[in-house]
C-alpha atoms as a PDB file:
ATOM      1  CA  MET A   1       0.107   0.181   0.047  1.00  0.00           C
ATOM      2  CA  THR A   2       1.306   3.264  -0.891  1.00  0.00           C
ATOM      3  CA  GLY A   3       0.718   7.103  -0.581  1.00  0.00           C
ATOM      4  CA  ALA A   4      -1.158   8.905   2.283  1.00  0.00           C
ATOM      5  CA  ALA A   5      -2.465   7.380   5.416  1.00  0.00           C
ATOM      6  CA  ILE A   6      -5.480   5.375   5.485  1.00  0.00           C
ATOM      7  CA  ALA A   7      -8.727   6.621   6.515  1.00  0.00           C
ATOM      8  CA  ALA A   8      -9.137   6.419  10.505  1.00  0.00           C
ATOM      9  CA  LEU A   9     -12.552   4.461  10.972  1.00  0.00           C
ATOM     10  CA  ILE A  10     -15.063   3.040   8.985  1.00  0.00           C
ATOM     11  CA  ALA A  11     -18.307   1.391  10.745  1.00  0.00           C
ATOM     12  CA  THR A  12     -19.539  -1.321   8.382  1.00  0.00           C
ATOM     13  CA  PRO A  13     -22.962  -2.749   8.430  1.00  0.00           C
ATOM     14  CA  LEU A  14     -22.619  -6.654   8.200  1.00  0.00           C
ATOM     15  CA  SER A  15     -26.464  -7.003   6.964  1.00  0.00           C
ATOM     16  CA  ALA A  16     -26.427  -7.304   3.163  1.00  0.00           C
ATOM     17  CA  GLN A  17     -28.597  -4.285   2.500  1.00  0.00           C
ATOM     18  CA  PRO A  18     -27.888  -1.480   4.984  1.00  0.00           C
ATOM     19  CA  ALA A  19     -30.288   1.067   5.627  1.00  0.00           C
ATOM     20  CA  PRO A  20     -29.421   4.590   4.864  1.00  0.00           C
ATOM     21  CA  VAL A  21     -29.290   7.135   8.107  1.00  0.00           C
ATOM     22  CA  GLU A  22     -32.617   8.796   8.602  1.00  0.00           C
ATOM     23  CA  THR A  23     -32.233  12.383   9.761  1.00  0.00           C
ATOM     24  CA  ALA A  24     -36.060  13.066  10.243  1.00  0.00           C
ATOM     25  CA  ALA A  25     -38.580  11.337  12.519  1.00  0.00           C
ATOM     26  CA  VAL A  26     -39.311   7.980  11.340  1.00  0.00           C
ATOM     27  CA  GLN A  27     -43.093   7.341  10.335  1.00  0.00           C
ATOM     28  CA  ALA A  28     -44.307   4.196  10.903  1.00  0.00           C
ATOM     29  CA  PRO A  29     -47.531   2.798   9.354  1.00  0.00           C
ATOM     30  CA  VAL A  30     -50.401   1.849  11.558  1.00  0.00           C
ATOM     31  CA  ALA A  31     -50.995  -1.900  11.444  1.00  0.00           C
ATOM     32  CA  ALA A  32     -54.962  -3.344  11.893  1.00  0.00           C
ATOM     33  CA  ALA A  33     -54.912  -4.063  15.734  1.00  0.00           C
ATOM     34  CA  PRO A  34     -57.833  -6.611  17.465  1.00  0.00           C
ATOM     35  CA  SER A  35     -58.890  -3.657  19.906  1.00  0.00           C
ATOM     36  CA  ALA A  36     -59.944  -0.124  19.180  1.00  0.00           C
ATOM     37  CA  GLY A  37     -57.203   2.443  19.487  1.00  0.00           C
ATOM     38  CA  LEU A  38     -54.358   0.011  19.330  1.00  0.00           C
ATOM     39  CA  LEU A  39     -51.663   1.345  17.550  1.00  0.00           C
ATOM     40  CA  THR A  40     -48.673  -1.068  16.082  1.00  0.00           C
ATOM     41  CA  LEU A  41     -45.187  -0.302  15.382  1.00  0.00           C
ATOM     42  CA  THR A  42     -44.424  -2.719  12.601  1.00  0.00           C
ATOM     43  CA  ALA A  43     -41.279  -4.981  12.720  1.00  0.00           C
ATOM     44  CA  GLY A  44     -38.699  -3.503  10.375  1.00  0.00           C
ATOM     45  CA  THR A  45     -39.212  -0.119  11.168  1.00  0.00           C
ATOM     46  CA  PRO A  46     -35.954   1.726  10.993  1.00  0.00           C
ATOM     47  CA  ILE A  47     -34.890   3.440  14.148  1.00  0.00           C
ATOM     48  CA  THR A  48     -31.637   5.676  14.278  1.00  0.00           C
ATOM     49  CA  LEU A  49     -29.611   5.441  17.386  1.00  0.00           C
ATOM     50  CA  ALA A  50     -26.696   7.452  18.397  1.00  0.00           C
ATOM     51  CA  VAL A  51     -23.566   6.215  20.383  1.00  0.00           C
ATOM     52  CA  ALA A  52     -23.665   7.842  23.966  1.00  0.00           C
ATOM     53  CA  GLN A  53     -20.330   6.694  25.361  1.00  0.00           C
ATOM     54  CA  GLU A  54     -17.161   6.070  23.242  1.00  0.00           C
ATOM     55  CA  VAL A  55     -16.774   2.672  22.635  1.00  0.00           C
ATOM     56  CA  ASN A  56     -13.105   1.141  21.887  1.00  0.00           C
ATOM     57  CA  SER A  57     -11.267  -2.210  21.408  1.00  0.00           C
ATOM     58  CA  SER A  58      -8.695  -0.876  24.338  1.00  0.00           C
ATOM     59  CA  THR A  59     -11.226  -0.254  27.080  1.00  0.00           C
ATOM     60  CA  HIS A  60     -14.159  -2.680  26.114  1.00  0.00           C
ATOM     61  CA  ARG A  61     -14.338  -7.057  25.806  1.00  0.00           C
ATOM     62  CA  ALA A  62     -16.891  -9.234  24.134  1.00  0.00           C
ATOM     63  CA  GLY A  63     -19.845  -9.290  26.383  1.00  0.00           C
ATOM     64  CA  ASP A  64     -19.646  -5.430  26.917  1.00  0.00           C
ATOM     65  CA  THR A  65     -22.561  -3.574  26.837  1.00  0.00           C
ATOM     66  CA  PHE A  66     -22.507   0.292  25.544  1.00  0.00           C
ATOM     67  CA  PRO A  67     -25.239   3.031  25.652  1.00  0.00           C
ATOM     68  CA  LEU A  68     -27.078   4.745  23.095  1.00  0.00           C
ATOM     69  CA  THR A  69     -30.179   6.895  22.247  1.00  0.00           C
ATOM     70  CA  VAL A  70     -32.794   7.182  19.850  1.00  0.00           C
ATOM     71  CA  LEU A  71     -31.991  10.220  17.512  1.00  0.00           C
ATOM     72  CA  ASN A  72     -35.561  11.278  16.417  1.00  0.00           C
ATOM     73  CA  ASP A  73     -39.055  10.769  17.793  1.00  0.00           C
ATOM     74  CA  VAL A  74     -40.553   7.391  16.320  1.00  0.00           C
ATOM     75  CA  ARG A  75     -44.237   7.991  15.680  1.00  0.00           C
ATOM     76  CA  VAL A  76     -47.249   5.965  14.433  1.00  0.00           C
ATOM     77  CA  GLY A  77     -49.073   8.320  12.213  1.00  0.00           C
ATOM     78  CA  ASP A  78     -49.397  11.516  14.294  1.00  0.00           C
ATOM     79  CA  THR A  79     -48.336  10.088  17.576  1.00  0.00           C
ATOM     80  CA  ILE A  80     -45.184   9.840  19.129  1.00  0.00           C
ATOM     81  CA  VAL A  81     -44.425   6.227  20.718  1.00  0.00           C
ATOM     82  CA  ILE A  82     -41.047   6.591  21.128  1.00  0.00           C
ATOM     83  CA  PRO A  83     -39.269  10.100  21.936  1.00  0.00           C
ATOM     84  CA  ARG A  84     -36.033  11.102  20.951  1.00  0.00           C
ATOM     85  CA  GLY A  85     -33.441  10.516  23.643  1.00  0.00           C
ATOM     86  CA  THR A  86     -35.116   7.503  24.785  1.00  0.00           C
ATOM     87  CA  PRO A  87     -32.123   5.089  25.954  1.00  0.00           C
ATOM     88  CA  ALA A  88     -30.887   2.070  24.165  1.00  0.00           C
ATOM     89  CA  ARG A  89     -28.031  -0.579  24.218  1.00  0.00           C
ATOM     90  CA  GLY A  90     -25.560  -2.043  22.243  1.00  0.00           C
ATOM     91  CA  GLU A  91     -23.403  -4.835  22.872  1.00  0.00           C
ATOM     92  CA  ILE A  92     -19.899  -5.868  21.972  1.00  0.00           C
ATOM     93  CA  THR A  93     -20.072  -9.504  20.407  1.00  0.00           C
ATOM     94  CA  TRP A  94     -16.309  -9.722  19.550  1.00  0.00           C
ATOM     95  CA  ARG A  95     -13.239  -8.071  19.843  1.00  0.00           C
ATOM     96  CA  THR A  96      -9.492  -7.957  18.719  1.00  0.00           C
ATOM     97  CA  GLY A  97      -6.983  -5.514  20.213  1.00  0.00           C
ATOM     98  CA  LYS A  98      -4.482  -3.777  18.223  1.00  0.00           C
ATOM     99  CA  GLY A  99      -1.607  -5.867  17.326  1.00  0.00           C
ATOM    100  CA  ALA A 100       2.069  -6.066  16.223  1.00  0.00           C
ATOM    101  CA  PHE A 101       3.108  -5.448  12.556  1.00  0.00           C
ATOM    102  CA  GLY A 102       0.674  -2.785  12.038  1.00  0.00           C
ATOM    103  CA  LYS A 103      -2.421  -5.101  12.817  1.00  0.00           C
ATOM    104  CA  SER A 104      -5.594  -2.905  13.542  1.00  0.00           C
ATOM    105  CA  GLY A 105      -8.059  -3.625  16.730  1.00  0.00           C
ATOM    106  CA  LYS A 106     -11.717  -4.860  15.454  1.00  0.00           C
ATOM    107  CA  LEU A 107     -14.970  -4.662  16.958  1.00  0.00           C
ATOM    108  CA  GLU A 108     -18.063  -6.201  16.189  1.00  0.00           C
ATOM    109  CA  PHE A 109     -21.283  -5.124  17.705  1.00  0.00           C
ATOM    110  CA  SER A 110     -25.068  -5.900  17.543  1.00  0.00           C
ATOM    111  CA  LEU A 111     -27.693  -3.167  18.663  1.00  0.00           C
ATOM    112  CA  ARG A 112     -29.868  -4.941  21.161  1.00  0.00           C
ATOM    113  CA  TYR A 113     -32.705  -3.209  22.604  1.00  0.00           C
ATOM    114  CA  ILE A 114     -34.680   0.444  23.121  1.00  0.00           C
ATOM    115  CA  GLU A 115     -35.474   0.855  27.060  1.00  0.00           C
ATOM    116  CA  LEU A 116     -38.800   2.554  27.082  1.00  0.00           C
ATOM    117  CA  GLY A 117     -41.347   2.867  30.326  1.00  0.00           C
ATOM    118  CA  GLY A 118     -39.168   0.233  31.912  1.00  0.00           C
ATOM    119  CA  GLN A 119     -39.391  -2.492  29.031  1.00  0.00           C
ATOM    120  CA  ARG A 120     -36.949  -3.401  26.707  1.00  0.00           C
ATOM    121  CA  ILE A 121     -37.989  -3.253  23.003  1.00  0.00           C
ATOM    122  CA  PRO A 122     -35.425  -5.466  20.606  1.00  0.00           C
ATOM    123  CA  VAL A 123     -33.841  -4.234  17.631  1.00  0.00           C
ATOM    124  CA  THR A 124     -31.518  -5.579  15.330  1.00  0.00           C
ATOM    125  CA  GLY A 125     -28.443  -3.963  13.375  1.00  0.00           C
ATOM    126  CA  ASP A 126     -24.763  -5.866  13.349  1.00  0.00           C
ATOM    127  CA  TYR A 127     -22.046  -3.701  13.096  1.00  0.00           C
ATOM    128  CA  ARG A 128     -17.831  -4.058  12.638  1.00  0.00           C
ATOM    129  CA  GLN A 129     -15.730  -1.187  13.427  1.00  0.00           C
ATOM    130  CA  GLU A 130     -11.816  -1.394  12.450  1.00  0.00           C
ATOM    131  CA  GLY A 131      -9.101   1.148  13.281  1.00  0.00           C
ATOM    132  CA  GLU A 132      -6.442   2.512  10.830  1.00  0.00           C
ATOM    133  CA  GLY A 133      -4.127   0.498   9.083  1.00  0.00           C
ATOM    134  CA  ASN A 134      -0.315   1.083   9.697  1.00  0.00           C
ATOM    135  CA  THR A 135       1.272  -0.809   6.596  1.00  0.00           C
ATOM    136  CA  ILE A 136       3.685   1.858   5.469  1.00  0.00           C
ATOM    137  CA  ALA A 137       5.061   2.568   8.792  1.00  0.00           C
ATOM    138  CA  THR A 138       5.462  -1.360   9.287  1.00  0.00           C
ATOM    139  CA  GLY A 139       7.296  -1.601   6.254  1.00  0.00           C
ATOM    140  CA  VAL A 140       9.746   1.508   7.384  1.00  0.00           C
ATOM    141  CA  GLY A 141      10.316  -0.310  10.864  1.00  0.00           C
ATOM    142  CA  ILE A 142      11.133  -3.653   9.403  1.00  0.00           C
ATOM    143  CA  ILE A 143      13.666  -2.014   7.577  1.00  0.00           C
ATOM    144  CA  ALA A 144      15.095  -0.041  10.233  1.00  0.00           C
ATOM    145  CA  VAL A 145      15.019  -2.158  13.312  1.00  0.00           C
ATOM    146  CA  GLY A 146      14.789  -5.564  11.941  1.00  0.00           C
ATOM    147  CA  VAL A 147      13.202  -8.214  14.462  1.00  0.00           C
ATOM    148  CA  PHE A 148      12.086  -5.235  16.888  1.00  0.00           C
ATOM    149  CA  ALA A 149       9.207  -4.486  14.163  1.00  0.00           C
ATOM    150  CA  GLY A 150       7.018  -6.571  16.271  1.00  0.00           C
ATOM    151  CA  PHE A 151       6.593  -3.361  18.417  1.00  0.00           C
ATOM    152  CA  ILE A 152       5.079  -1.308  15.601  1.00  0.00           C
ATOM    153  CA  THR A 153       1.475  -1.713  16.417  1.00  0.00           C
ATOM    154  CA  GLY A 154      -1.791  -1.054  14.795  1.00  0.00           C
ATOM    155  CA  LYS A 155      -4.597   1.358  15.768  1.00  0.00           C
ATOM    156  CA  ARG A 156      -7.355   0.655  18.081  1.00  0.00           C
ATOM    157  CA  ALA A 157     -10.899   0.234  16.795  1.00  0.00           C
ATOM    158  CA  ARG A 158     -13.216   3.276  18.170  1.00  0.00           C
ATOM    159  CA  LEU A 159     -16.533   4.256  17.772  1.00  0.00           C
ATOM    160  CA  PRO A 160     -16.683   7.747  18.604  1.00  0.00           C
ATOM    161  CA  MET A 161     -19.610   9.548  20.570  1.00  0.00           C
ATOM    162  CA  GLY A 162     -22.124  10.608  18.442  1.00  0.00           C
ATOM    163  CA  ARG A 163     -21.864   8.100  15.606  1.00  0.00           C
ATOM    164  CA  GLU A 164     -25.547   7.403  14.023  1.00  0.00           C
ATOM    165  CA  LEU A 165     -26.040   3.705  13.479  1.00  0.00           C
ATOM    166  CA  MET A 166     -29.261   2.484  11.830  1.00  0.00           C
ATOM    167  CA  SER A 167     -31.228  -0.203  13.593  1.00  0.00           C
ATOM    168  CA  GLN A 168     -34.506  -1.993  12.532  1.00  0.00           C
ATOM    169  CA  LEU A 169     -37.356  -3.034  15.020  1.00  0.00           C
ATOM    170  CA  ALA A 170     -37.234  -6.660  15.816  1.00  0.00           C
ATOM    171  CA  GLN A 171     -40.745  -7.449  16.576  1.00  0.00           C
ATOM    172  CA  PRO A 172     -43.957  -5.547  16.260  1.00  0.00           C
ATOM    173  CA  VAL A 173     -44.719  -3.497  19.464  1.00  0.00           C
ATOM    174  CA  PRO A 174     -48.307  -2.485  20.214  1.00  0.00           C
ATOM    175  CA  PHE A 175     -49.399   1.160  21.925  1.00  0.00           C
ATOM    176  CA  GLY A 176     -52.211   2.561  22.991  1.00  0.00           C
ATOM    177  CA  ALA A 177     -53.984   5.606  21.731  1.00  0.00           C
ATOM    178  CA  ASP A 178     -51.925   7.654  23.939  1.00  0.00           C
ATOM    179  CA  GLY A 179     -48.577   6.794  22.864  1.00  0.00           C
ATOM    180  CA  ARG A 180     -47.775   4.369  25.994  1.00  0.00           C
ATOM    181  CA  LEU A 181     -46.925   0.561  25.349  1.00  0.00           C
ATOM    182  CA  ALA A 182     -49.683  -1.471  25.486  1.00  0.00           C
ATOM    183  CA  ALA A 183     -50.137  -3.763  28.889  1.00  0.00           C
ATOM    184  CA  SER A 184     -50.399  -6.559  26.447  1.00  0.00           C
ATOM    185  CA  TYR A 185     -46.502  -6.065  25.197  1.00  0.00           C
ATOM    186  CA  ASP A 186     -44.457  -8.961  26.550  1.00  0.00           C
ATOM    187  CA  ALA A 187     -40.769  -7.694  26.331  1.00  0.00           C
ATOM    188  CA  ALA A 188     -39.540 -10.879  27.679  1.00  0.00           C
ATOM    189  CA  ALA A 189     -40.907 -12.752  25.195  1.00  0.00           C
ATOM    190  CA  ALA A 190     -40.006 -10.359  22.415  1.00  0.00           C
ATOM    191  CA  MET A 191     -36.532 -10.341  23.409  1.00  0.00           C
ATOM    192  CA  ALA A 192     -36.201 -14.170  23.547  1.00  0.00           C
ATOM    193  CA  ALA A 193     -37.550 -14.166  20.112  1.00  0.00           C
ATOM    194  CA  ALA A 194     -35.068 -11.439  18.845  1.00  0.00           C
ATOM    195  CA  GLU A 195     -31.974 -13.035  20.792  1.00  0.00           C
ATOM    196  CA  ALA A 196     -32.678 -16.623  19.054  1.00  0.00           C
ATOM    197  CA  ASN A 197     -32.490 -14.954  15.601  1.00  0.00           C
ATOM    198  CA  SER A 198     -29.105 -13.263  16.300  1.00  0.00           C
ATOM    199  CA  PRO A 199     -25.836 -14.042  15.086  1.00  0.00           C
ATOM    200  CA  VAL A 200     -24.479 -14.360  18.593  1.00  0.00           C
ATOM    201  CA  ALA A 201     -27.134 -16.767  19.572  1.00  0.00           C
ATOM    202  CA  GLN A 202     -26.317 -19.049  16.288  1.00  0.00           C
ATOM    203  CA  CYS A 203     -22.616 -19.029  17.581  1.00  0.00           C
ATOM    204  CA  ARG A 204     -23.461 -20.143  21.071  1.00  0.00           C
ATOM    205  CA  ASN A 205     -25.843 -22.757  19.805  1.00  0.00           C
ATOM    206  CA  GLN A 206     -23.070 -24.254  17.747  1.00  0.00           C
ATOM    207  CA  ALA A 207     -20.925 -24.271  20.778  1.00  0.00           C
ATOM    208  CA  ALA A 208     -23.151 -25.971  22.843  1.00  0.00           C
ATOM    209  CA  ALA A 209     -23.459 -28.966  20.900  1.00  0.00           C
ATOM    210  CA  MET A 210     -20.062 -29.869  21.935  1.00  0.00           C
ATOM    211  CA  THR A 211     -19.694 -31.928  24.993  1.00  0.00           C
ATOM    212  CA  ASN A 212     -16.378 -30.851  26.264  1.00  0.00           C
ATOM    213  CA  GLN A 213     -15.941 -27.482  28.119  1.00  0.00           C
ATOM    214  CA  ARG A 214     -12.825 -26.693  26.431  1.00  0.00           C
ATOM    215  CA  GLU A 215     -14.033 -27.767  22.884  1.00  0.00           C
ATOM    216  CA  ARG A 216     -17.258 -25.444  23.328  1.00  0.00           C
ATOM    217  CA  GLU A 217     -15.032 -22.528  24.224  1.00  0.00           C
ATOM    218  CA  ARG A 218     -12.861 -23.250  21.272  1.00  0.00           C
ATOM    219  CA  ALA A 219     -15.917 -23.398  18.797  1.00  0.00           C
ATOM    220  CA  LEU A 220     -17.376 -20.499  20.255  1.00  0.00           C
ATOM    221  CA  ARG A 221     -14.319 -18.121  19.616  1.00  0.00           C
ATOM    222  CA  GLY A 222     -13.759 -19.772  16.035  1.00  0.00           C
ATOM    223  CA  CYS A 223     -17.332 -18.848  15.214  1.00  0.00           C
ATOM    224  CA  PHE A 224     -16.768 -15.328  16.402  1.00  0.00           C
ATOM    225  CA  ARG A 225     -13.440 -15.016  14.469  1.00  0.00           C
ATOM    226  CA  GLU A 226     -14.503 -16.562  11.330  1.00  0.00           C
ATOM    227  CA  ARG A 227     -17.294 -13.578  11.499  1.00  0.00           C
ATOM    228  CA  MET A 228     -14.376 -11.073  11.852  1.00  0.00           C
ATOM    229  CA  GLU A 229     -11.833 -12.266   8.779  1.00  0.00           C
END
């Protein structure tokens, strides 16, 4: 690789067809409901989330969660059902630190849920964040210091505060005419269904099939590593 430095940070959606970032309030269609006055926010509704606290591969590990906020009001018709600023959470699903010979850190993370009225609303969205490459510096270092070139390291993966990430609603969510979550909404069931279909759960299910604990751990690491390559 020659020329100027590589662009610093790229957050790449892992889904095949990433949705564009929305800058206006999301409008969702009203679905037919069995009870009069019940509003439904349909599955697949796009919701833009913003990173509320910096995440990077030096300070975060797989399994750590991090805060997000809803960027715009989400509406069903004219009724706001999820106000802007509503908290949400993401989870680090795989992480590698910066390495020798210019190898940069990597993070893979999933958008998990929105917290509304003490309940969790599952969302989907899988992303990868990689740090800057250091190919040019590594080449110079090998010539200059020989075997000590291993001390030349790449960059950490960094997800800055304020970064906008597109999520999609994982399950349909019912609301009353006043915009509050309907009493019929079962957050535990919705989260369980969303988790069962997540890439992380698929890796864990593959590992669970192993009879030996060490083999399970090796299979889990291997599954995550394949997703990072």
